[in-house]
N, C-alpha and C. Protein backbone atom coordinates (compact mmCIF):
# COMPACT_ATOMS: atom_id res chain seq x y z
N MET A 1 0.84 -1.17 0.00
CA MET A 1 0.00 0.00 0.00
C MET A 1 0.89 1.24 0.00
N ARG A 2 0.43 2.23 -0.72
CA ARG A 2 1.14 3.50 -0.79
C ARG A 2 0.17 4.62 -0.46
N THR A 3 0.62 5.60 0.32
CA THR A 3 -0.21 6.77 0.59
C THR A 3 0.49 8.01 0.04
N ILE A 4 -0.33 8.91 -0.47
CA ILE A 4 0.18 10.15 -1.03
C ILE A 4 -0.61 11.30 -0.40
N GLN A 5 0.09 12.19 0.25
CA GLN A 5 -0.55 13.35 0.87
C GLN A 5 -0.85 14.41 -0.18
N HIS A 6 -2.01 15.04 -0.03
CA HIS A 6 -2.39 16.14 -0.92
C HIS A 6 -2.80 17.33 -0.06
N SER A 7 -2.02 18.39 -0.13
CA SER A 7 -2.32 19.65 0.55
C SER A 7 -1.95 20.79 -0.36
N PRO A 8 -2.82 21.08 -1.34
CA PRO A 8 -2.51 22.19 -2.24
C PRO A 8 -2.36 23.50 -1.48
N THR A 9 -1.57 24.38 -2.01
CA THR A 9 -1.33 25.67 -1.33
C THR A 9 -1.94 26.85 -2.07
N ASP A 10 -2.32 26.67 -3.31
CA ASP A 10 -2.93 27.75 -4.09
C ASP A 10 -4.44 27.60 -4.11
N GLY A 11 -5.15 28.69 -3.81
CA GLY A 11 -6.60 28.70 -3.92
C GLY A 11 -7.34 28.01 -2.80
N ILE A 12 -6.65 27.68 -1.72
CA ILE A 12 -7.27 27.02 -0.57
C ILE A 12 -6.49 27.44 0.68
N TYR A 13 -7.16 27.44 1.81
CA TYR A 13 -6.47 27.77 3.06
C TYR A 13 -5.40 26.73 3.34
N PRO A 14 -4.33 27.12 4.00
CA PRO A 14 -3.23 26.18 4.24
C PRO A 14 -3.57 25.16 5.32
N ALA A 15 -3.06 23.96 5.14
CA ALA A 15 -3.15 22.94 6.19
C ALA A 15 -2.19 23.34 7.30
N THR A 16 -2.52 22.99 8.52
CA THR A 16 -1.61 23.24 9.64
C THR A 16 -0.62 22.08 9.74
N PRO A 17 0.43 22.22 10.53
CA PRO A 17 1.45 21.17 10.58
C PRO A 17 0.95 19.81 11.09
N ASP A 18 -0.24 19.76 11.72
CA ASP A 18 -0.69 18.49 12.30
C ASP A 18 -1.72 17.75 11.45
N TYR A 19 -2.00 18.23 10.21
CA TYR A 19 -2.90 17.47 9.33
C TYR A 19 -2.65 17.84 7.89
N VAL A 20 -3.19 17.03 6.97
CA VAL A 20 -3.16 17.31 5.54
C VAL A 20 -4.60 17.36 5.04
N HIS A 21 -4.81 18.02 3.92
CA HIS A 21 -6.17 18.13 3.37
C HIS A 21 -6.70 16.77 2.91
N ALA A 22 -5.85 15.95 2.33
CA ALA A 22 -6.33 14.67 1.78
C ALA A 22 -5.20 13.65 1.78
N MET A 23 -5.61 12.38 1.80
CA MET A 23 -4.66 11.28 1.74
C MET A 23 -5.16 10.31 0.67
N GLU A 24 -4.36 10.16 -0.37
CA GLU A 24 -4.67 9.19 -1.42
C GLU A 24 -4.08 7.85 -1.01
N VAL A 25 -4.86 6.79 -1.15
CA VAL A 25 -4.40 5.45 -0.80
C VAL A 25 -4.39 4.62 -2.07
N ARG A 26 -3.23 4.05 -2.37
CA ARG A 26 -3.10 3.18 -3.55
C ARG A 26 -2.65 1.80 -3.12
N GLY A 27 -3.24 0.80 -3.73
CA GLY A 27 -2.81 -0.58 -3.50
C GLY A 27 -3.26 -1.18 -2.18
N ALA A 28 -4.23 -0.59 -1.53
CA ALA A 28 -4.74 -1.16 -0.28
C ALA A 28 -5.66 -2.34 -0.60
N GLU A 29 -5.50 -3.39 0.16
CA GLU A 29 -6.37 -4.56 0.00
C GLU A 29 -7.47 -4.58 1.05
N ARG A 30 -7.26 -3.83 2.14
CA ARG A 30 -8.22 -3.85 3.24
C ARG A 30 -8.47 -2.44 3.76
N LEU A 31 -9.69 -2.20 4.17
CA LEU A 31 -10.06 -0.97 4.88
C LEU A 31 -10.65 -1.37 6.22
N LEU A 32 -10.27 -0.65 7.26
CA LEU A 32 -10.79 -0.91 8.60
C LEU A 32 -11.42 0.38 9.11
N PHE A 33 -12.69 0.32 9.48
CA PHE A 33 -13.42 1.47 10.00
C PHE A 33 -13.62 1.24 11.49
N ILE A 34 -12.96 2.04 12.31
CA ILE A 34 -13.06 1.89 13.77
C ILE A 34 -14.12 2.86 14.28
N ALA A 35 -15.07 2.32 15.01
CA ALA A 35 -16.15 3.12 15.57
C ALA A 35 -15.59 4.15 16.54
N GLY A 36 -16.41 5.12 16.88
CA GLY A 36 -16.02 6.11 17.87
C GLY A 36 -15.50 5.42 19.11
N THR A 37 -14.27 5.73 19.48
CA THR A 37 -13.60 5.07 20.59
C THR A 37 -13.44 6.07 21.73
N MET A 38 -13.88 5.67 22.92
CA MET A 38 -13.85 6.56 24.08
C MET A 38 -12.64 6.26 24.97
N GLY A 39 -12.41 7.15 25.91
CA GLY A 39 -11.34 7.00 26.88
C GLY A 39 -11.78 6.19 28.07
N LEU A 40 -12.14 4.93 27.80
CA LEU A 40 -12.61 4.03 28.85
C LEU A 40 -11.57 2.95 29.11
N ASP A 41 -11.42 2.56 30.37
CA ASP A 41 -10.51 1.47 30.71
C ASP A 41 -11.21 0.13 30.40
N PRO A 42 -10.51 -1.01 30.57
CA PRO A 42 -11.12 -2.30 30.24
C PRO A 42 -12.41 -2.62 31.01
N GLN A 43 -12.64 -1.96 32.12
CA GLN A 43 -13.88 -2.18 32.87
C GLN A 43 -14.99 -1.23 32.40
N GLY A 44 -14.68 -0.36 31.45
CA GLY A 44 -15.67 0.58 30.93
C GLY A 44 -15.77 1.88 31.71
N THR A 45 -14.79 2.13 32.57
CA THR A 45 -14.78 3.34 33.38
C THR A 45 -14.01 4.44 32.66
N PRO A 46 -14.60 5.65 32.52
CA PRO A 46 -13.87 6.73 31.86
C PRO A 46 -12.69 7.22 32.69
N GLY A 47 -11.62 7.62 32.01
CA GLY A 47 -10.49 8.22 32.70
C GLY A 47 -10.93 9.49 33.42
N ALA A 48 -10.27 9.80 34.51
CA ALA A 48 -10.68 10.92 35.37
C ALA A 48 -10.34 12.29 34.77
N THR A 49 -9.36 12.33 33.86
CA THR A 49 -8.94 13.61 33.28
C THR A 49 -8.97 13.51 31.75
N LEU A 50 -8.92 14.66 31.11
CA LEU A 50 -8.86 14.68 29.65
C LEU A 50 -7.63 13.94 29.15
N GLU A 51 -6.48 14.18 29.77
CA GLU A 51 -5.25 13.53 29.33
C GLU A 51 -5.33 12.01 29.50
N THR A 52 -5.92 11.55 30.59
CA THR A 52 -6.06 10.11 30.81
C THR A 52 -6.99 9.52 29.75
N GLN A 53 -8.08 10.22 29.46
CA GLN A 53 -9.00 9.71 28.44
C GLN A 53 -8.33 9.65 27.07
N LEU A 54 -7.55 10.66 26.73
CA LEU A 54 -6.86 10.64 25.45
C LEU A 54 -5.86 9.50 25.38
N ASP A 55 -5.14 9.24 26.47
CA ASP A 55 -4.22 8.08 26.51
C ASP A 55 -4.99 6.78 26.32
N LEU A 56 -6.13 6.66 27.00
CA LEU A 56 -6.94 5.45 26.87
C LEU A 56 -7.51 5.29 25.46
N ILE A 57 -7.95 6.39 24.87
CA ILE A 57 -8.47 6.33 23.50
C ILE A 57 -7.43 5.74 22.57
N TRP A 58 -6.22 6.27 22.63
CA TRP A 58 -5.19 5.79 21.70
C TRP A 58 -4.73 4.38 22.04
N SER A 59 -4.74 4.02 23.29
CA SER A 59 -4.45 2.64 23.67
C SER A 59 -5.53 1.70 23.11
N ASN A 60 -6.78 2.11 23.23
CA ASN A 60 -7.89 1.30 22.72
C ASN A 60 -7.84 1.19 21.19
N ILE A 61 -7.51 2.29 20.52
CA ILE A 61 -7.39 2.25 19.06
C ILE A 61 -6.26 1.32 18.65
N ARG A 62 -5.11 1.41 19.33
CA ARG A 62 -3.99 0.50 19.01
C ARG A 62 -4.40 -0.95 19.19
N ARG A 63 -5.21 -1.23 20.22
CA ARG A 63 -5.67 -2.61 20.47
C ARG A 63 -6.56 -3.12 19.34
N VAL A 64 -7.49 -2.27 18.89
CA VAL A 64 -8.38 -2.66 17.78
C VAL A 64 -7.57 -2.85 16.51
N LEU A 65 -6.64 -1.94 16.23
CA LEU A 65 -5.78 -2.09 15.06
C LEU A 65 -4.99 -3.40 15.12
N ALA A 66 -4.43 -3.72 16.27
CA ALA A 66 -3.66 -4.95 16.42
C ALA A 66 -4.52 -6.18 16.13
N ASP A 67 -5.78 -6.13 16.55
CA ASP A 67 -6.68 -7.25 16.29
C ASP A 67 -6.88 -7.47 14.79
N ALA A 68 -6.70 -6.41 14.00
CA ALA A 68 -6.81 -6.49 12.55
C ALA A 68 -5.43 -6.59 11.88
N ASP A 69 -4.40 -6.90 12.66
CA ASP A 69 -3.02 -6.96 12.16
C ASP A 69 -2.60 -5.66 11.50
N MET A 70 -2.95 -4.54 12.16
CA MET A 70 -2.56 -3.22 11.70
C MET A 70 -1.94 -2.45 12.86
N THR A 71 -1.36 -1.29 12.53
CA THR A 71 -0.80 -0.39 13.54
C THR A 71 -1.27 1.03 13.22
N VAL A 72 -0.85 1.99 14.03
CA VAL A 72 -1.21 3.38 13.75
C VAL A 72 -0.65 3.83 12.41
N ALA A 73 0.36 3.15 11.89
CA ALA A 73 0.91 3.48 10.57
C ALA A 73 -0.11 3.25 9.46
N ASN A 74 -1.14 2.45 9.73
CA ASN A 74 -2.18 2.17 8.74
C ASN A 74 -3.29 3.21 8.74
N ILE A 75 -3.30 4.10 9.72
CA ILE A 75 -4.38 5.09 9.82
C ILE A 75 -4.28 6.09 8.66
N VAL A 76 -5.42 6.31 7.98
CA VAL A 76 -5.45 7.25 6.87
C VAL A 76 -6.48 8.37 7.07
N ARG A 77 -7.27 8.31 8.15
CA ARG A 77 -8.29 9.34 8.40
C ARG A 77 -8.73 9.27 9.85
N ILE A 78 -8.91 10.46 10.49
CA ILE A 78 -9.35 10.53 11.89
C ILE A 78 -10.42 11.60 12.03
N THR A 79 -11.48 11.26 12.76
CA THR A 79 -12.49 12.24 13.15
C THR A 79 -12.59 12.21 14.67
N SER A 80 -12.46 13.38 15.29
CA SER A 80 -12.55 13.50 16.75
C SER A 80 -13.81 14.27 17.10
N TYR A 81 -14.50 13.79 18.10
CA TYR A 81 -15.69 14.46 18.63
C TYR A 81 -15.34 14.95 20.03
N LEU A 82 -15.29 16.26 20.21
CA LEU A 82 -14.88 16.87 21.47
C LEU A 82 -16.11 17.40 22.19
N ARG A 83 -16.21 17.12 23.46
CA ARG A 83 -17.33 17.63 24.25
C ARG A 83 -17.22 19.15 24.43
N ASP A 84 -16.00 19.68 24.35
CA ASP A 84 -15.77 21.12 24.53
C ASP A 84 -14.65 21.55 23.58
N ALA A 85 -14.81 22.71 22.97
CA ALA A 85 -13.80 23.21 22.04
C ALA A 85 -12.44 23.40 22.71
N SER A 86 -12.43 23.62 24.00
CA SER A 86 -11.16 23.83 24.70
C SER A 86 -10.30 22.56 24.71
N TYR A 87 -10.84 21.43 24.31
CA TYR A 87 -10.09 20.17 24.28
C TYR A 87 -9.29 20.01 22.98
N ALA A 88 -9.45 20.92 22.04
CA ALA A 88 -8.85 20.76 20.71
C ALA A 88 -7.33 20.64 20.76
N GLU A 89 -6.68 21.50 21.53
CA GLU A 89 -5.21 21.47 21.56
C GLU A 89 -4.69 20.16 22.16
N ALA A 90 -5.27 19.72 23.26
CA ALA A 90 -4.83 18.45 23.87
C ALA A 90 -5.11 17.28 22.94
N ASN A 91 -6.24 17.31 22.26
CA ASN A 91 -6.59 16.25 21.32
C ASN A 91 -5.58 16.20 20.18
N ALA A 92 -5.24 17.36 19.62
CA ALA A 92 -4.25 17.41 18.53
C ALA A 92 -2.89 16.90 19.01
N ALA A 93 -2.49 17.28 20.20
CA ALA A 93 -1.20 16.82 20.74
C ALA A 93 -1.19 15.31 20.94
N ALA A 94 -2.29 14.76 21.45
CA ALA A 94 -2.38 13.31 21.66
C ALA A 94 -2.35 12.58 20.32
N ARG A 95 -3.04 13.10 19.32
CA ARG A 95 -3.05 12.49 17.99
C ARG A 95 -1.65 12.53 17.39
N THR A 96 -0.99 13.68 17.47
CA THR A 96 0.36 13.83 16.92
C THR A 96 1.32 12.85 17.59
N LYS A 97 1.22 12.73 18.91
CA LYS A 97 2.06 11.79 19.65
C LYS A 97 1.75 10.35 19.25
N ALA A 98 0.48 10.00 19.17
CA ALA A 98 0.08 8.63 18.83
C ALA A 98 0.56 8.24 17.44
N LEU A 99 0.55 9.20 16.51
CA LEU A 99 0.97 8.92 15.14
C LEU A 99 2.45 9.19 14.92
N ASP A 100 3.17 9.49 15.99
CA ASP A 100 4.61 9.76 15.93
C ASP A 100 4.92 10.86 14.92
N GLY A 101 4.05 11.90 14.90
CA GLY A 101 4.27 13.04 14.04
C GLY A 101 3.76 12.89 12.62
N ARG A 102 3.32 11.69 12.24
CA ARG A 102 2.77 11.48 10.89
C ARG A 102 1.44 12.21 10.78
N VAL A 103 1.22 12.90 9.68
CA VAL A 103 -0.02 13.66 9.52
C VAL A 103 -0.99 12.92 8.61
N VAL A 104 -2.27 13.01 8.93
CA VAL A 104 -3.34 12.42 8.13
C VAL A 104 -4.49 13.42 8.08
N PRO A 105 -5.42 13.25 7.17
CA PRO A 105 -6.59 14.11 7.19
C PRO A 105 -7.35 13.90 8.50
N THR A 106 -7.76 14.98 9.11
CA THR A 106 -8.44 14.90 10.39
C THR A 106 -9.49 16.00 10.51
N THR A 107 -10.54 15.68 11.23
CA THR A 107 -11.58 16.66 11.52
C THR A 107 -11.90 16.56 13.00
N ALA A 108 -12.08 17.70 13.64
CA ALA A 108 -12.52 17.75 15.03
C ALA A 108 -13.86 18.48 15.07
N ILE A 109 -14.80 17.87 15.75
CA ILE A 109 -16.16 18.40 15.85
C ILE A 109 -16.52 18.53 17.31
N VAL A 110 -17.11 19.65 17.68
CA VAL A 110 -17.61 19.81 19.05
C VAL A 110 -19.03 19.24 19.06
N ALA A 111 -19.25 18.26 19.94
CA ALA A 111 -20.53 17.57 19.98
C ALA A 111 -20.85 17.12 21.40
N GLN A 112 -22.11 16.88 21.63
CA GLN A 112 -22.52 16.31 22.92
C GLN A 112 -22.36 14.80 22.81
N THR A 113 -21.53 14.23 23.67
CA THR A 113 -21.34 12.79 23.68
C THR A 113 -22.51 12.13 24.42
N LEU A 114 -22.66 10.82 24.26
CA LEU A 114 -23.78 10.12 24.88
C LEU A 114 -23.72 10.15 26.40
N SER A 115 -22.52 10.24 26.94
CA SER A 115 -22.34 10.36 28.38
C SER A 115 -21.49 11.59 28.65
N GLU A 116 -21.88 12.41 29.60
CA GLU A 116 -21.09 13.62 29.88
C GLU A 116 -19.71 13.30 30.43
N ASP A 117 -19.49 12.06 30.87
CA ASP A 117 -18.16 11.64 31.34
C ASP A 117 -17.21 11.35 30.18
N TRP A 118 -17.74 11.17 28.97
CA TRP A 118 -16.91 10.91 27.79
C TRP A 118 -16.52 12.26 27.21
N LEU A 119 -15.27 12.64 27.36
CA LEU A 119 -14.82 13.97 26.96
C LEU A 119 -14.45 14.05 25.48
N VAL A 120 -13.96 12.96 24.93
CA VAL A 120 -13.55 12.89 23.53
C VAL A 120 -13.90 11.50 23.00
N GLU A 121 -14.29 11.46 21.75
CA GLU A 121 -14.51 10.18 21.05
C GLU A 121 -13.80 10.30 19.71
N VAL A 122 -13.10 9.24 19.28
CA VAL A 122 -12.30 9.30 18.08
C VAL A 122 -12.65 8.14 17.15
N GLU A 123 -12.96 8.47 15.89
CA GLU A 123 -13.17 7.47 14.84
C GLU A 123 -11.95 7.44 13.95
N VAL A 124 -11.62 6.24 13.46
CA VAL A 124 -10.43 6.06 12.64
C VAL A 124 -10.77 5.22 11.41
N ILE A 125 -10.15 5.56 10.30
CA ILE A 125 -10.15 4.69 9.12
C ILE A 125 -8.71 4.30 8.88
N ALA A 126 -8.48 3.00 8.71
CA ALA A 126 -7.14 2.49 8.44
C ALA A 126 -7.20 1.69 7.15
N ALA A 127 -6.07 1.62 6.46
CA ALA A 127 -5.98 0.87 5.21
C ALA A 127 -4.70 0.04 5.23
N GLY A 128 -4.77 -1.09 4.56
CA GLY A 128 -3.60 -1.95 4.52
C GLY A 128 -3.59 -2.86 3.34
């Protein structure tokens, strides 16, 4: 599989250093769509802080990817649902850390989660 980033600079607003406008995927044989993943521990308890929940989210995503014989290197798209806009910076930092600085198309949306204890929910598309 090969990925090609597309972030044109003419006639469109610039992408920031932590994402690209589009990711072309060539030669992928599989696509994996990961449902919105929350910052819950194995017992289903939400982390007590935003940072703990973000750590749990990425741990949970890595676990689902591993079950499909994939890693974060296979991620080609991320959508984050934030309970509060003030979580955007921490969410971006956690994503950047989880992807080891690799950028992918991403969208962050401020939304009411099903439980007020769920501060962030993250959906992922992976290809391999």
